[in-house]
Amino acid sequence: METNPPVDTLFYSPIRAAIWQNDTNTGRFFTVTFTRRYREGDAWKDSASFNESDLPMLAKAALDAHSRIQLRKVPTPTND
């Protein structure tokens, strides 16, 4: 099964917010996944757990993701 990439991604080190667009027969909706990047040895890993010090950047990522989603919901003018 092929997975579509996120329609937008925000990075606020070490926080990443991925915005996903979901088109269904009842309409379009968006979801957001938040991850924290960290290094373990030579490899980068993701975690869905956040440290207290990550919370300000997590909050900013959530607010900015919401703004980006709202921009995607604005109807675009059509050429009539």
Protein backbone atom coordinates (compact mmCIF):
# COMPACT_ATOMS: atom_id res chain seq x y z
CA MET A 1 0.00 0.00 0.00
CA GLU A 2 1.38 3.40 -1.01
CA THR A 3 1.28 6.20 1.54
CA ASN A 4 0.86 9.77 0.38
CA PRO A 5 3.30 12.30 1.80
CA PRO A 6 2.11 15.09 4.09
CA VAL A 7 0.78 18.16 2.27
CA ASP A 8 2.87 20.40 4.53
CA THR A 9 5.55 19.99 7.16
CA LEU A 10 6.69 22.44 9.82
CA PHE A 11 10.02 22.15 11.63
CA TYR A 12 10.75 23.76 14.97
CA SER A 13 13.81 21.92 16.16
CA PRO A 14 13.39 19.32 17.57
CA ILE A 15 9.63 19.34 16.82
CA ARG A 16 8.13 18.36 13.48
CA ALA A 17 4.45 18.80 12.56
CA ALA A 18 3.22 16.93 9.49
CA ILE A 19 -0.13 17.99 7.99
CA TRP A 20 -2.06 15.28 6.20
CA GLN A 21 -4.95 15.84 3.80
CA ASN A 22 -7.70 13.25 3.79
CA ASP A 23 -10.24 13.23 0.95
CA THR A 24 -13.34 11.14 1.55
CA ASN A 25 -16.75 10.83 -0.07
CA THR A 26 -18.07 13.17 2.64
CA GLY A 27 -15.43 15.84 2.08
CA ARG A 28 -11.89 16.83 2.87
CA PHE A 29 -10.38 16.98 6.33
CA PHE A 30 -6.90 17.42 7.75
CA THR A 31 -4.95 15.72 10.50
CA VAL A 32 -1.62 16.60 12.08
CA THR A 33 1.06 14.37 13.55
CA PHE A 34 3.69 15.75 15.90
CA THR A 35 7.06 14.12 16.47
CA ARG A 36 10.22 14.96 18.35
CA ARG A 37 13.50 14.18 16.58
CA TYR A 38 16.43 12.92 18.60
CA ARG A 39 19.74 11.32 17.88
CA GLU A 40 20.68 7.89 19.18
CA GLY A 41 24.24 7.07 18.22
CA ASP A 42 24.57 7.71 14.48
CA ALA A 43 20.84 7.41 13.76
CA TRP A 44 18.02 9.95 13.95
CA LYS A 45 14.83 8.69 15.59
CA ASP A 46 11.29 10.00 16.12
CA SER A 47 9.28 10.03 19.31
CA ALA A 48 5.69 10.99 20.08
CA SER A 49 6.70 11.82 23.65
CA PHE A 50 7.69 15.38 24.51
CA ASN A 51 9.87 16.83 27.24
CA GLU A 52 8.72 19.78 29.30
CA SER A 53 11.22 21.95 27.44
CA ASP A 54 9.63 20.91 24.10
CA LEU A 55 6.18 22.24 25.01
CA PRO A 56 6.63 25.86 23.84
CA MET A 57 7.77 24.68 20.38
CA LEU A 58 5.04 22.04 20.31
CA ALA A 59 2.46 24.76 21.04
CA LYS A 60 3.89 26.98 18.28
CA ALA A 61 3.88 24.07 15.84
CA ALA A 62 0.23 23.32 16.69
CA LEU A 63 -0.86 26.94 16.22
CA ASP A 64 1.06 27.30 12.95
CA ALA A 65 -0.29 23.97 11.67
CA HIS A 66 -3.80 25.22 12.39
CA SER A 67 -3.09 28.43 10.43
CA ARG A 68 -1.70 26.47 7.47
CA ILE A 69 -4.78 24.23 7.44
CA GLN A 70 -7.08 27.27 7.46
CA LEU A 71 -5.23 28.65 4.42
CA ARG A 72 -5.81 25.36 2.60
CA LYS A 73 -9.54 25.59 3.34
CA VAL A 74 -9.93 29.02 1.72
CA PRO A 75 -11.71 28.57 -1.62
CA THR A 76 -9.63 29.60 -4.60
CA PRO A 77 -11.22 31.88 -7.21
CA THR A 78 -12.28 30.19 -10.42
CA ASN A 79 -11.95 31.58 -13.91
CA ASP A 80 -15.50 31.99 -15.20
